[in-house]
Structures are given as structure tokens and as C-alpha cells.
Amino acid sequence: MSLMLTGCASSSNSDAVNALSIKTSGDTVTEIQRAITTIQGNQVPPKIASNTFETNSHLLIVSGQLMESYNMPLNGAETELPDQYTLQLRDEECGVYYEKDDKFIPLTNIQCRPNPIQD
């Protein structure tokens, strides 16, 4: 019986496939920005392209660097890695997934399809 429960618990993520957006609209971009803002816990939405997720399932967001007065990065900002967000299709639901915190935010203003290249 415990084997069966383990299998069910792990199946929700295994059903997820990387996806591509179909004709990303302005409303879609705004919703993606809100999802990322929710995941990050920030109030300022990131700037993203109008065709986000149309050709690639992954979106990298680089944090802004604070600079010293002599144009050198402050507080080791040069060593920070970008955050990666993935557009995923889970059953019939499309959303933004952030693997680092295992967070999935469903999107309603988007049409997506499975990405033929699963990486």
C-alpha cells in the first residue's frame, strides 16, 4: 500500500511537460510577469519580451547589479546566477514553474502546446 501512495505522490510532477506559448498577447505577458513576481516575492515585475515562451520553454531573469561609484559590481553581484522559469503544461493547465522552490503558478490568459524539444 505504501508503494502505491509513493507512486501517486510523485506522479503530479512527472506529468509535466515543457511547453511553448502560442501567440503571446499583452495580457499573457502581464500574467507571466505577475506569476514571476509572486514566485520571487517582489513587487516590481520583471521586464520580459513580448514573445516570451514562444520559441523556448525557459526564461532566464538576471538580477540587476548594484555598482560602486568606480563602476565595479557591489556585494558580489557579479557571482549571482540568473533565475530560470519554465513554461509547463500539466494535464490541460499551462503555467510558470520555478524549479528552485518547486513552485508552479497556473496561467489563464495563455494558449500553449507541448514543446517538441523536451530538455
PDB file of N, CA and C in Angstrom:
ATOM      1  N   MET A   1       0.816  -1.193   0.000  1.00  0.00           N
ATOM      2  CA  MET A   1       0.000   0.000   0.000  1.00  0.00           C
ATOM      3  C   MET A   1       0.863   1.262   0.000  1.00  0.00           C
ATOM      4  N   SER A   2       1.952   1.286   0.746  1.00  0.00           N
ATOM      5  CA  SER A   2       2.806   2.469   0.760  1.00  0.00           C
ATOM      6  C   SER A   2       3.461   2.699  -0.598  1.00  0.00           C
ATOM      7  N   LEU A   3       3.728   1.636  -1.329  1.00  0.00           N
ATOM      8  CA  LEU A   3       4.273   1.784  -2.676  1.00  0.00           C
ATOM      9  C   LEU A   3       3.296   2.526  -3.570  1.00  0.00           C
ATOM     10  N   MET A   4       2.047   2.220  -3.453  1.00  0.00           N
ATOM     11  CA  MET A   4       1.028   2.865  -4.265  1.00  0.00           C
ATOM     12  C   MET A   4       0.935   4.354  -3.938  1.00  0.00           C
ATOM     13  N   LEU A   5       1.000   4.717  -2.670  1.00  0.00           N
ATOM     14  CA  LEU A   5       0.941   6.114  -2.270  1.00  0.00           C
ATOM     15  C   LEU A   5       2.151   6.882  -2.765  1.00  0.00           C
ATOM     16  N   THR A   6       3.322   6.280  -2.701  1.00  0.00           N
ATOM     17  CA  THR A   6       4.533   6.924  -3.185  1.00  0.00           C
ATOM     18  C   THR A   6       4.422   7.206  -4.674  1.00  0.00           C
ATOM     19  N   GLY A   7       3.921   6.239  -5.421  1.00  0.00           N
ATOM     20  CA  GLY A   7       3.758   6.412  -6.859  1.00  0.00           C
ATOM     21  C   GLY A   7       2.812   7.547  -7.193  1.00  0.00           C
ATOM     22  N   CYS A   8       1.724   7.674  -6.470  1.00  0.00           N
ATOM     23  CA  CYS A   8       0.754   8.735  -6.721  1.00  0.00           C
ATOM     24  C   CYS A   8       1.322  10.102  -6.369  1.00  0.00           C
ATOM     25  N   ALA A   9       2.060  10.174  -5.284  1.00  0.00           N
ATOM     26  CA  ALA A   9       2.615  11.446  -4.846  1.00  0.00           C
ATOM     27  C   ALA A   9       3.628  11.989  -5.837  1.00  0.00           C
ATOM     28  N   SER A  10       4.377  11.119  -6.487  1.00  0.00           N
ATOM     29  CA  SER A  10       5.409  11.597  -7.396  1.00  0.00           C
ATOM     30  C   SER A  10       4.907  11.771  -8.819  1.00  0.00           C
ATOM     31  N   SER A  11       3.684  11.343  -9.104  1.00  0.00           N
ATOM     32  CA  SER A  11       3.202  11.404 -10.481  1.00  0.00           C
ATOM     33  C   SER A  11       2.791  12.805 -10.927  1.00  0.00           C
ATOM     34  N   SER A  12       2.468  13.712 -10.008  1.00  0.00           N
ATOM     35  CA  SER A  12       1.994  15.029 -10.408  1.00  0.00           C
ATOM     36  C   SER A  12       3.048  15.803 -11.189  1.00  0.00           C
ATOM     37  N   ASN A  13       4.305  15.762 -10.761  1.00  0.00           N
ATOM     38  CA  ASN A  13       5.369  16.448 -11.475  1.00  0.00           C
ATOM     39  C   ASN A  13       5.807  15.684 -12.707  1.00  0.00           C
ATOM     40  N   SER A  14       5.679  14.356 -12.689  1.00  0.00           N
ATOM     41  CA  SER A  14       6.129  13.570 -13.829  1.00  0.00           C
ATOM     42  C   SER A  14       5.208  13.763 -15.030  1.00  0.00           C
ATOM     43  N   ASP A  15       3.983  14.247 -14.813  1.00  0.00           N
ATOM     44  CA  ASP A  15       3.060  14.520 -15.907  1.00  0.00           C
ATOM     45  C   ASP A  15       3.340  15.866 -16.574  1.00  0.00           C
ATOM     46  N   ALA A  16       4.205  16.667 -15.998  1.00  0.00           N
ATOM     47  CA  ALA A  16       4.510  17.987 -16.542  1.00  0.00           C
ATOM     48  C   ALA A  16       5.426  17.867 -17.756  1.00  0.00           C
ATOM     49  N   VAL A  17       5.102  18.644 -18.786  1.00  0.00           N
ATOM     50  CA  VAL A  17       5.970  18.721 -19.961  1.00  0.00           C
ATOM     51  C   VAL A  17       6.259  20.189 -20.246  1.00  0.00           C
ATOM     52  N   ASN A  18       7.460  20.457 -20.738  1.00  0.00           N
ATOM     53  CA  ASN A  18       7.797  21.815 -21.121  1.00  0.00           C
ATOM     54  C   ASN A  18       6.897  22.237 -22.273  1.00  0.00           C
ATOM     55  N   ALA A  19       6.523  23.509 -22.285  1.00  0.00           N
ATOM     56  CA  ALA A  19       5.548  23.993 -23.257  1.00  0.00           C
ATOM     57  C   ALA A  19       6.038  25.257 -23.956  1.00  0.00           C
ATOM     58  N   LEU A  20       5.353  25.596 -25.036  1.00  0.00           N
ATOM     59  CA  LEU A  20       5.580  26.837 -25.771  1.00  0.00           C
ATOM     60  C   LEU A  20       4.271  27.611 -25.825  1.00  0.00           C
ATOM     61  N   SER A  21       4.380  28.928 -25.746  1.00  0.00           N
ATOM     62  CA  SER A  21       3.207  29.786 -25.846  1.00  0.00           C
ATOM     63  C   SER A  21       2.813  29.940 -27.313  1.00  0.00           C
ATOM     64  N   ILE A  22       1.522  30.026 -27.559  1.00  0.00           N
ATOM     65  CA  ILE A  22       1.005  30.253 -28.906  1.00  0.00           C
ATOM     66  C   ILE A  22       0.506  31.696 -28.976  1.00  0.00           C
ATOM     67  N   LYS A  23       1.145  32.517 -29.799  1.00  0.00           N
ATOM     68  CA  LYS A  23       0.744  33.917 -29.992  1.00  0.00           C
ATOM     69  C   LYS A  23       0.599  34.657 -28.664  1.00  0.00           C
ATOM     70  N   THR A  24       1.697  34.913 -28.005  1.00  0.00           N
ATOM     71  CA  THR A  24       1.709  35.601 -26.720  1.00  0.00           C
ATOM     72  C   THR A  24       1.120  37.007 -26.867  1.00  0.00           C
ATOM     73  N   SER A  25       0.104  37.316 -26.091  1.00  0.00           N
ATOM     74  CA  SER A  25      -0.544  38.634 -26.127  1.00  0.00           C
ATOM     75  C   SER A  25      -0.001  39.515 -25.002  1.00  0.00           C
ATOM     76  N   GLY A  26      -0.392  40.774 -25.029  1.00  0.00           N
ATOM     77  CA  GLY A  26      -0.009  41.687 -23.955  1.00  0.00           C
ATOM     78  C   GLY A  26      -0.547  41.231 -22.608  1.00  0.00           C
ATOM     79  N   ASP A  27      -1.776  40.701 -22.601  1.00  0.00           N
ATOM     80  CA  ASP A  27      -2.359  40.174 -21.360  1.00  0.00           C
ATOM     81  C   ASP A  27      -1.570  38.973 -20.846  1.00  0.00           C
ATOM     82  N   THR A  28      -1.084  38.159 -21.780  1.00  0.00           N
ATOM     83  CA  THR A  28      -0.281  36.989 -21.398  1.00  0.00           C
ATOM     84  C   THR A  28       1.021  37.430 -20.756  1.00  0.00           C
ATOM     85  N   VAL A  29       1.687  38.419 -21.362  1.00  0.00           N
ATOM     86  CA  VAL A  29       2.948  38.932 -20.816  1.00  0.00           C
ATOM     87  C   VAL A  29       2.722  39.459 -19.403  1.00  0.00           C
ATOM     88  N   THR A  30       1.650  40.210 -19.210  1.00  0.00           N
ATOM     89  CA  THR A  30       1.334  40.750 -17.880  1.00  0.00           C
ATOM     90  C   THR A  30       1.110  39.627 -16.874  1.00  0.00           C
ATOM     91  N   GLU A  31       0.411  38.585 -17.291  1.00  0.00           N
ATOM     92  CA  GLU A  31       0.148  37.466 -16.379  1.00  0.00           C
ATOM     93  C   GLU A  31       1.433  36.705 -16.047  1.00  0.00           C
ATOM     94  N   ILE A  32       2.311  36.534 -17.023  1.00  0.00           N
ATOM     95  CA  ILE A  32       3.605  35.882 -16.772  1.00  0.00           C
ATOM     96  C   ILE A  32       4.408  36.716 -15.781  1.00  0.00           C
ATOM     97  N   GLN A  33       4.412  38.040 -15.982  1.00  0.00           N
ATOM     98  CA  GLN A  33       5.126  38.931 -15.056  1.00  0.00           C
ATOM     99  C   GLN A  33       4.570  38.802 -13.639  1.00  0.00           C
ATOM    100  N   ARG A  34       3.255  38.746 -13.509  1.00  0.00           N
ATOM    101  CA  ARG A  34       2.637  38.596 -12.178  1.00  0.00           C
ATOM    102  C   ARG A  34       3.026  37.272 -11.529  1.00  0.00           C
ATOM    103  N   ALA A  35       3.047  36.204 -12.324  1.00  0.00           N
ATOM    104  CA  ALA A  35       3.420  34.888 -11.787  1.00  0.00           C
ATOM    105  C   ALA A  35       4.853  34.914 -11.273  1.00  0.00           C
ATOM    106  N   ILE A  36       5.755  35.501 -12.044  1.00  0.00           N
ATOM    107  CA  ILE A  36       7.162  35.573 -11.629  1.00  0.00           C
ATOM    108  C   ILE A  36       7.306  36.448 -10.395  1.00  0.00           C
ATOM    109  N   THR A  37       6.573  37.558 -10.353  1.00  0.00           N
ATOM    110  CA  THR A  37       6.601  38.440  -9.183  1.00  0.00           C
ATOM    111  C   THR A  37       6.109  37.698  -7.942  1.00  0.00           C
ATOM    112  N   THR A  38       5.071  36.891  -8.086  1.00  0.00           N
ATOM    113  CA  THR A  38       4.556  36.081  -6.975  1.00  0.00           C
ATOM    114  C   THR A  38       5.611  35.094  -6.497  1.00  0.00           C
ATOM    115  N   ILE A  39       6.263  34.417  -7.427  1.00  0.00           N
ATOM    116  CA  ILE A  39       7.294  33.438  -7.068  1.00  0.00           C
ATOM    117  C   ILE A  39       8.464  34.116  -6.375  1.00  0.00           C
ATOM    118  N   GLN A  40       8.908  35.251  -6.903  1.00  0.00           N
ATOM    119  CA  GLN A  40      10.067  35.952  -6.345  1.00  0.00           C
ATOM    120  C   GLN A  40       9.745  36.662  -5.039  1.00  0.00           C
ATOM    121  N   GLY A  41       8.477  36.985  -4.836  1.00  0.00           N
ATOM    122  CA  GLY A  41       8.110  37.747  -3.649  1.00  0.00           C
ATOM    123  C   GLY A  41       8.442  39.222  -3.794  1.00  0.00           C
ATOM    124  N   ASN A  42       8.642  39.682  -5.024  1.00  0.00           N
ATOM    125  CA  ASN A  42       8.943  41.092  -5.290  1.00  0.00           C
ATOM    126  C   ASN A  42       7.670  41.841  -5.625  1.00  0.00           C
ATOM    127  N   GLN A  43       7.780  43.165  -5.627  1.00  0.00           N
ATOM    128  CA  GLN A  43       6.647  43.977  -6.038  1.00  0.00           C
ATOM    129  C   GLN A  43       6.843  44.539  -7.436  1.00  0.00           C
ATOM    130  N   VAL A  44       8.082  44.546  -7.913  1.00  0.00           N
ATOM    131  CA  VAL A  44       8.382  45.095  -9.230  1.00  0.00           C
ATOM    132  C   VAL A  44       8.429  43.958 -10.244  1.00  0.00           C
ATOM    133  N   PRO A  45       7.545  43.994 -11.249  1.00  0.00           N
ATOM    134  CA  PRO A  45       7.555  42.913 -12.245  1.00  0.00           C
ATOM    135  C   PRO A  45       8.794  42.989 -13.132  1.00  0.00           C
ATOM    136  N   PRO A  46       9.325  41.853 -13.548  1.00  0.00           N
ATOM    137  CA  PRO A  46      10.498  41.858 -14.425  1.00  0.00           C
ATOM    138  C   PRO A  46      10.103  42.310 -15.830  1.00  0.00           C
ATOM    139  N   LYS A  47      11.056  42.867 -16.542  1.00  0.00           N
ATOM    140  CA  LYS A  47      10.816  43.221 -17.944  1.00  0.00           C
ATOM    141  C   LYS A  47      11.063  41.972 -18.779  1.00  0.00           C
ATOM    142  N   ILE A  48      10.059  41.583 -19.563  1.00  0.00           N
ATOM    143  CA  ILE A  48      10.199  40.405 -20.416  1.00  0.00           C
ATOM    144  C   ILE A  48       9.742  40.750 -21.830  1.00  0.00           C
ATOM    145  N   ALA A  49      10.213  39.977 -22.782  1.00  0.00           N
ATOM    146  CA  ALA A  49       9.903  40.217 -24.187  1.00  0.00           C
ATOM    147  C   ALA A  49       8.446  39.895 -24.503  1.00  0.00           C
ATOM    148  N   SER A  50       7.942  40.515 -25.560  1.00  0.00           N
ATOM    149  CA  SER A  50       6.552  40.294 -25.963  1.00  0.00           C
ATOM    150  C   SER A  50       6.323  38.905 -26.549  1.00  0.00           C
ATOM    151  N   ASN A  51       7.399  38.208 -26.891  1.00  0.00           N
ATOM    152  CA  ASN A  51       7.270  36.844 -27.435  1.00  0.00           C
ATOM    153  C   ASN A  51       7.808  35.786 -26.466  1.00  0.00           C
ATOM    154  N   THR A  52       7.793  36.115 -25.184  1.00  0.00           N
ATOM    155  CA  THR A  52       8.297  35.201 -24.162  1.00  0.00           C
ATOM    156  C   THR A  52       7.617  33.837 -24.261  1.00  0.00           C
ATOM    157  N   PHE A  53       8.413  32.792 -24.188  1.00  0.00           N
ATOM    158  CA  PHE A  53       7.990  31.386 -24.213  1.00  0.00           C
ATOM    159  C   PHE A  53       7.463  30.919 -25.579  1.00  0.00           C
ATOM    160  N   GLU A  54       7.578  31.718 -26.634  1.00  0.00           N
ATOM    161  CA  GLU A  54       7.097  31.271 -27.946  1.00  0.00           C
ATOM    162  C   GLU A  54       8.079  30.329 -28.643  1.00  0.00           C
ATOM    163  N   THR A  55       9.384  30.520 -28.415  1.00  0.00           N
ATOM    164  CA  THR A  55      10.389  29.681 -29.087  1.00  0.00           C
ATOM    165  C   THR A  55      11.216  28.848 -28.120  1.00  0.00           C
ATOM    166  N   ASN A  56      11.093  29.120 -26.836  1.00  0.00           N
ATOM    167  CA  ASN A  56      11.872  28.408 -25.827  1.00  0.00           C
ATOM    168  C   ASN A  56      11.016  28.268 -24.572  1.00  0.00           C
ATOM    169  N   SER A  57      11.071  27.114 -23.941  1.00  0.00           N
ATOM    170  CA  SER A  57      10.290  26.875 -22.721  1.00  0.00           C
ATOM    171  C   SER A  57      10.894  27.540 -21.495  1.00  0.00           C
ATOM    172  N   HIS A  58      12.134  28.011 -21.605  1.00  0.00           N
ATOM    173  CA  HIS A  58      12.842  28.563 -20.451  1.00  0.00           C
ATOM    174  C   HIS A  58      13.017  30.071 -20.581  1.00  0.00           C
ATOM    175  N   LEU A  59      12.942  30.744 -19.455  1.00  0.00           N
ATOM    176  CA  LEU A  59      13.160  32.177 -19.369  1.00  0.00           C
ATOM    177  C   LEU A  59      14.162  32.411 -18.250  1.00  0.00           C
ATOM    178  N   LEU A  60      15.263  33.086 -18.573  1.00  0.00           N
ATOM    179  CA  LEU A  60      16.271  33.426 -17.569  1.00  0.00           C
ATOM    180  C   LEU A  60      16.103  34.884 -17.182  1.00  0.00           C
ATOM    181  N   ILE A  61      16.096  35.150 -15.892  1.00  0.00           N
ATOM    182  CA  ILE A  61      15.984  36.517 -15.395  1.00  0.00           C
ATOM    183  C   ILE A  61      17.213  36.816 -14.554  1.00  0.00           C
ATOM    184  N   VAL A  62      17.925  37.852 -14.983  1.00  0.00           N
ATOM    185  CA  VAL A  62      19.145  38.262 -14.302  1.00  0.00           C
ATOM    186  C   VAL A  62      18.801  39.420 -13.380  1.00  0.00           C
ATOM    187  N   SER A  63      19.234  39.329 -12.130  1.00  0.00           N
ATOM    188  CA  SER A  63      19.012  40.420 -11.184  1.00  0.00           C
ATOM    189  C   SER A  63      19.883  41.602 -11.574  1.00  0.00           C
ATOM    190  N   GLY A  64      19.367  42.791 -11.342  1.00  0.00           N
ATOM    191  CA  GLY A  64      20.161  43.987 -11.614  1.00  0.00           C
ATOM    192  C   GLY A  64      21.372  44.042 -10.701  1.00  0.00           C
ATOM    193  N   GLN A  65      22.445  44.600 -11.212  1.00  0.00           N
ATOM    194  CA  GLN A  65      23.669  44.702 -10.420  1.00  0.00           C
ATOM    195  C   GLN A  65      23.796  46.101  -9.835  1.00  0.00           C
ATOM    196  N   LEU A  66      24.104  46.162  -8.554  1.00  0.00           N
ATOM    197  CA  LEU A  66      24.413  47.432  -7.922  1.00  0.00           C
ATOM    198  C   LEU A  66      25.881  47.723  -8.185  1.00  0.00           C
ATOM    199  N   MET A  67      26.186  48.956  -8.588  1.00  0.00           N
ATOM    200  CA  MET A  67      27.559  49.295  -8.957  1.00  0.00           C
ATOM    201  C   MET A  67      28.150  50.307  -7.976  1.00  0.00           C
ATOM    202  N   GLU A  68      29.442  50.138  -7.721  1.00  0.00           N
ATOM    203  CA  GLU A  68      30.198  51.116  -6.947  1.00  0.00           C
ATOM    204  C   GLU A  68      30.347  52.377  -7.793  1.00  0.00           C
ATOM    205  N   SER A  69      30.791  53.462  -7.178  1.00  0.00           N
ATOM    206  CA  SER A  69      30.969  54.710  -7.919  1.00  0.00           C
ATOM    207  C   SER A  69      32.044  54.581  -9.000  1.00  0.00           C
ATOM    208  N   TYR A  70      32.979  53.633  -8.855  1.00  0.00           N
ATOM    209  CA  TYR A  70      34.032  53.438  -9.862  1.00  0.00           C
ATOM    210  C   TYR A  70      33.680  52.298 -10.819  1.00  0.00           C
ATOM    211  N   ASN A  71      32.375  52.036 -10.984  1.00  0.00           N
ATOM    212  CA  ASN A  71      31.824  51.099 -11.972  1.00  0.00           C
ATOM    213  C   ASN A  71      32.209  49.637 -11.748  1.00  0.00           C
ATOM    214  N   MET A  72      32.343  49.241 -10.502  1.00  0.00           N
ATOM    215  CA  MET A  72      32.601  47.839 -10.170  1.00  0.00           C
ATOM    216  C   MET A  72      31.364  47.285  -9.453  1.00  0.00           C
ATOM    217  N   PRO A  73      31.030  46.004  -9.706  1.00  0.00           N
ATOM    218  CA  PRO A  73      29.862  45.416  -9.029  1.00  0.00           C
ATOM    219  C   PRO A  73      30.008  45.447  -7.507  1.00  0.00           C
ATOM    220  N   LEU A  74      28.897  45.708  -6.834  1.00  0.00           N
ATOM    221  CA  LEU A  74      28.867  45.812  -5.379  1.00  0.00           C
ATOM    222  C   LEU A  74      28.354  44.515  -4.761  1.00  0.00           C
ATOM    223  N   ASN A  75      28.897  44.121  -3.622  1.00  0.00           N
ATOM    224  CA  ASN A  75      28.416  42.969  -2.849  1.00  0.00           C
ATOM    225  C   ASN A  75      28.423  41.649  -3.605  1.00  0.00           C
ATOM    226  N   GLY A  76      29.383  41.431  -4.437  1.00  0.00           N
ATOM    227  CA  GLY A  76      29.489  40.156  -5.137  1.00  0.00           C
ATOM    228  C   GLY A  76      28.371  39.904  -6.122  1.00  0.00           C
ATOM    229  N   ALA A  77      27.720  40.952  -6.590  1.00  0.00           N
ATOM    230  CA  ALA A  77      26.592  40.782  -7.513  1.00  0.00           C
ATOM    231  C   ALA A  77      27.008  40.095  -8.805  1.00  0.00           C
ATOM    232  N   GLU A  78      28.307  40.162  -9.128  1.00  0.00           N
ATOM    233  CA  GLU A  78      28.771  39.544 -10.362  1.00  0.00           C
ATOM    234  C   GLU A  78      28.734  38.020 -10.287  1.00  0.00           C
ATOM    235  N   THR A  79      28.553  37.447  -9.096  1.00  0.00           N
ATOM    236  CA  THR A  79      28.556  35.994  -8.951  1.00  0.00           C
ATOM    237  C   THR A  79      27.146  35.395  -8.898  1.00  0.00           C
ATOM    238  N   GLU A  80      26.121  36.229  -8.893  1.00  0.00           N
ATOM    239  CA  GLU A  80      24.751  35.714  -8.817  1.00  0.00           C
ATOM    240  C   GLU A  80      24.343  35.082 -10.138  1.00  0.00           C
ATOM    241  N   LEU A  81      23.762  33.895 -10.063  1.00  0.00           N
ATOM    242  CA  LEU A  81      23.280  33.216 -11.255  1.00  0.00           C
ATOM    243  C   LEU A  81      21.865  33.689 -11.577  1.00  0.00           C
ATOM    244  N   PRO A  82      21.489  33.675 -12.857  1.00  0.00           N
ATOM    245  CA  PRO A  82      20.117  34.068 -13.198  1.00  0.00           C
ATOM    246  C   PRO A  82      19.105  33.038 -12.701  1.00  0.00           C
ATOM    247  N   ASP A  83      17.882  33.492 -12.483  1.00  0.00           N
ATOM    248  CA  ASP A  83      16.785  32.592 -12.124  1.00  0.00           C
ATOM    249  C   ASP A  83      16.170  32.046 -13.400  1.00  0.00           C
ATOM    250  N   GLN A  84      15.850  30.746 -13.407  1.00  0.00           N
ATOM    251  CA  GLN A  84      15.241  30.124 -14.582  1.00  0.00           C
ATOM    252  C   GLN A  84      13.791  29.759 -14.296  1.00  0.00           C
ATOM    253  N   TYR A  85      12.916  30.185 -15.189  1.00  0.00           N
ATOM    254  CA  TYR A  85      11.493  29.875 -15.127  1.00  0.00           C
ATOM    255  C   TYR A  85      11.145  29.061 -16.363  1.00  0.00           C
ATOM    256  N   THR A  86      10.247  28.095 -16.209  1.00  0.00           N
ATOM    257  CA  THR A  86       9.891  27.199 -17.304  1.00  0.00           C
ATOM    258  C   THR A  86       8.385  27.222 -17.515  1.00  0.00           C
ATOM    259  N   LEU A  87       7.981  27.337 -18.778  1.00  0.00           N
ATOM    260  CA  LEU A  87       6.565  27.208 -19.101  1.00  0.00           C
ATOM    261  C   LEU A  87       6.268  25.725 -19.193  1.00  0.00           C
ATOM    262  N   GLN A  88       5.313  25.265 -18.381  1.00  0.00           N
ATOM    263  CA  GLN A  88       4.973  23.842 -18.349  1.00  0.00           C
ATOM    264  C   GLN A  88       3.489  23.632 -18.612  1.00  0.00           C
ATOM    265  N   LEU A  89       3.204  22.485 -19.180  1.00  0.00           N
ATOM    266  CA  LEU A  89       1.838  22.025 -19.389  1.00  0.00           C
ATOM    267  C   LEU A  89       1.647  20.826 -18.469  1.00  0.00           C
ATOM    268  N   ARG A  90       0.684  20.938 -17.561  1.00  0.00           N
ATOM    269  CA  ARG A  90       0.357  19.851 -16.628  1.00  0.00           C
ATOM    270  C   ARG A  90      -1.098  19.481 -16.857  1.00  0.00           C
ATOM    271  N   ASP A  91      -1.302  18.313 -17.425  1.00  0.00           N
ATOM    272  CA  ASP A  91      -2.627  17.918 -17.903  1.00  0.00           C
ATOM    273  C   ASP A  91      -3.082  18.984 -18.903  1.00  0.00           C
ATOM    274  N   GLU A  92      -4.140  19.705 -18.600  1.00  0.00           N
ATOM    275  CA  GLU A  92      -4.640  20.750 -19.509  1.00  0.00           C
ATOM    276  C   GLU A  92      -4.272  22.151 -19.022  1.00  0.00           C
ATOM    277  N   GLU A  93      -3.488  22.238 -17.939  1.00  0.00           N
ATOM    278  CA  GLU A  93      -3.183  23.523 -17.322  1.00  0.00           C
ATOM    279  C   GLU A  93      -1.772  23.976 -17.679  1.00  0.00           C
ATOM    280  N   CYS A  94      -1.660  25.206 -18.164  1.00  0.00           N
ATOM    281  CA  CYS A  94      -0.364  25.765 -18.530  1.00  0.00           C
ATOM    282  C   CYS A  94       0.043  26.771 -17.453  1.00  0.00           C
ATOM    283  N   GLY A  95       1.325  26.801 -17.105  1.00  0.00           N
ATOM    284  CA  GLY A  95       1.768  27.724 -16.078  1.00  0.00           C
ATOM    285  C   GLY A  95       3.268  27.874 -16.029  1.00  0.00           C
ATOM    286  N   VAL A  96       3.709  28.762 -15.151  1.00  0.00           N
ATOM    287  CA  VAL A  96       5.133  29.038 -14.953  1.00  0.00           C
ATOM    288  C   VAL A  96       5.627  28.195 -13.787  1.00  0.00           C
ATOM    289  N   TYR A  97       6.743  27.492 -14.012  1.00  0.00           N
ATOM    290  CA  TYR A  97       7.330  26.633 -12.980  1.00  0.00           C
ATOM    291  C   TYR A  97       8.709  27.160 -12.618  1.00  0.00           C
ATOM    292  N   TYR A  98       8.978  27.234 -11.310  1.00  0.00           N
ATOM    293  CA  TYR A  98      10.276  27.649 -10.788  1.00  0.00           C
ATOM    294  C   TYR A  98      10.836  26.477  -9.997  1.00  0.00           C
ATOM    295  N   GLU A  99      11.772  25.773 -10.606  1.00  0.00           N
ATOM    296  CA  GLU A  99      12.278  24.526 -10.030  1.00  0.00           C
ATOM    297  C   GLU A  99      12.980  24.728  -8.695  1.00  0.00           C
ATOM    298  N   LYS A 100      13.709  25.817  -8.551  1.00  0.00           N
ATOM    299  CA  LYS A 100      14.486  26.063  -7.329  1.00  0.00           C
ATOM    300  C   LYS A 100      13.618  25.970  -6.066  1.00  0.00           C
ATOM    301  N   ASP A 101      12.392  26.495  -6.139  1.00  0.00           N
ATOM    302  CA  ASP A 101      11.468  26.449  -4.999  1.00  0.00           C
ATOM    303  C   ASP A 101      10.307  25.487  -5.230  1.00  0.00           C
ATOM    304  N   ASP A 102      10.339  24.752  -6.336  1.00  0.00           N
ATOM    305  CA  ASP A 102       9.282  23.813  -6.720  1.00  0.00           C
ATOM    306  C   ASP A 102       7.907  24.484  -6.674  1.00  0.00           C
ATOM    307  N   LYS A 103       7.806  25.662  -7.326  1.00  0.00           N
ATOM    308  CA  LYS A 103       6.546  26.404  -7.360  1.00  0.00           C
ATOM    309  C   LYS A 103       5.999  26.418  -8.781  1.00  0.00           C
ATOM    310  N   PHE A 104       4.708  26.167  -8.906  1.00  0.00           N
ATOM    311  CA  PHE A 104       4.009  26.203 -10.190  1.00  0.00           C
ATOM    312  C   PHE A 104       2.837  27.172 -10.069  1.00  0.00           C
ATOM    313  N   ILE A 105       2.812  28.177 -10.945  1.00  0.00           N
ATOM    314  CA  ILE A 105       1.729  29.157 -10.954  1.00  0.00           C
ATOM    315  C   ILE A 105       0.940  28.982 -12.252  1.00  0.00           C
ATOM    316  N   PRO A 106      -0.317  28.521 -12.175  1.00  0.00           N
ATOM    317  CA  PRO A 106      -1.135  28.353 -13.380  1.00  0.00           C
ATOM    318  C   PRO A 106      -1.441  29.704 -14.037  1.00  0.00           C
ATOM    319  N   LEU A 107      -1.508  29.707 -15.352  1.00  0.00           N
ATOM    320  CA  LEU A 107      -1.838  30.904 -16.124  1.00  0.00           C
ATOM    321  C   LEU A 107      -3.178  30.678 -16.831  1.00  0.00           C
ATOM    322  N   THR A 108      -4.002  31.723 -16.913  1.00  0.00           N
ATOM    323  CA  THR A 108      -5.304  31.585 -17.564  1.00  0.00           C
ATOM    324  C   THR A 108      -5.368  32.281 -18.921  1.00  0.00           C
ATOM    325  N   ASN A 109      -4.526  33.304 -19.141  1.00  0.00           N
ATOM    326  CA  ASN A 109      -4.551  34.070 -20.390  1.00  0.00           C
ATOM    327  C   ASN A 109      -3.515  33.580 -21.388  1.00  0.00           C
ATOM    328  N   ILE A 110      -3.323  32.280 -21.471  1.00  0.00           N
ATOM    329  CA  ILE A 110      -2.286  31.763 -22.354  1.00  0.00           C
ATOM    330  C   ILE A 110      -2.792  30.514 -23.068  1.00  0.00           C
ATOM    331  N   GLN A 111      -2.369  30.392 -24.300  1.00  0.00           N
ATOM    332  CA  GLN A 111      -2.570  29.147 -25.030  1.00  0.00           C
ATOM    333  C   GLN A 111      -1.188  28.553 -25.187  1.00  0.00           C
ATOM    334  N   CYS A 112      -1.046  27.291 -24.851  1.00  0.00           N
ATOM    335  CA  CYS A 112       0.267  26.685 -25.012  1.00  0.00           C
ATOM    336  C   CYS A 112       0.140  25.275 -25.558  1.00  0.00           C
ATOM    337  N   ARG A 113       1.256  24.790 -26.046  1.00  0.00           N
ATOM    338  CA  ARG A 113       1.333  23.448 -26.618  1.00  0.00           C
ATOM    339  C   ARG A 113       2.614  22.809 -26.109  1.00  0.00           C
ATOM    340  N   PRO A 114       2.689  21.496 -26.093  1.00  0.00           N
ATOM    341  CA  PRO A 114       3.928  20.841 -25.668  1.00  0.00           C
ATOM    342  C   PRO A 114       5.092  21.251 -26.570  1.00  0.00           C
ATOM    343  N   ASN A 115       6.225  21.483 -25.971  1.00  0.00           N
ATOM    344  CA  ASN A 115       7.438  21.788 -26.733  1.00  0.00           C
ATOM    345  C   ASN A 115       7.945  20.482 -27.328  1.00  0.00           C
ATOM    346  N   PRO A 116       8.152  20.415 -28.653  1.00  0.00           N
ATOM    347  CA  PRO A 116       8.644  19.168 -29.253  1.00  0.00           C
ATOM    348  C   PRO A 116      10.048  18.800 -28.782  1.00  0.00           C
ATOM    349  N   ILE A 117      10.776  19.800 -28.254  1.00  0.00           N
ATOM    350  CA  ILE A 117      12.123  19.543 -27.726  1.00  0.00           C
ATOM    351  C   ILE A 117      12.040  19.589 -26.206  1.00  0.00           C
ATOM    352  N   GLN A 118      12.019  18.439 -25.571  1.00  0.00           N
ATOM    353  CA  GLN A 118      11.963  18.367 -24.107  1.00  0.00           C
ATOM    354  C   GLN A 118      13.385  18.297 -23.575  1.00  0.00           C
ATOM    355  N   ASP A 119      13.792  19.310 -22.825  1.00  0.00           N
ATOM    356  CA  ASP A 119      15.148  19.334 -22.254  1.00  0.00           C
ATOM    357  C   ASP A 119      15.124  19.416 -20.760  1.00  0.00           C
TER     358      ASP A 119
END
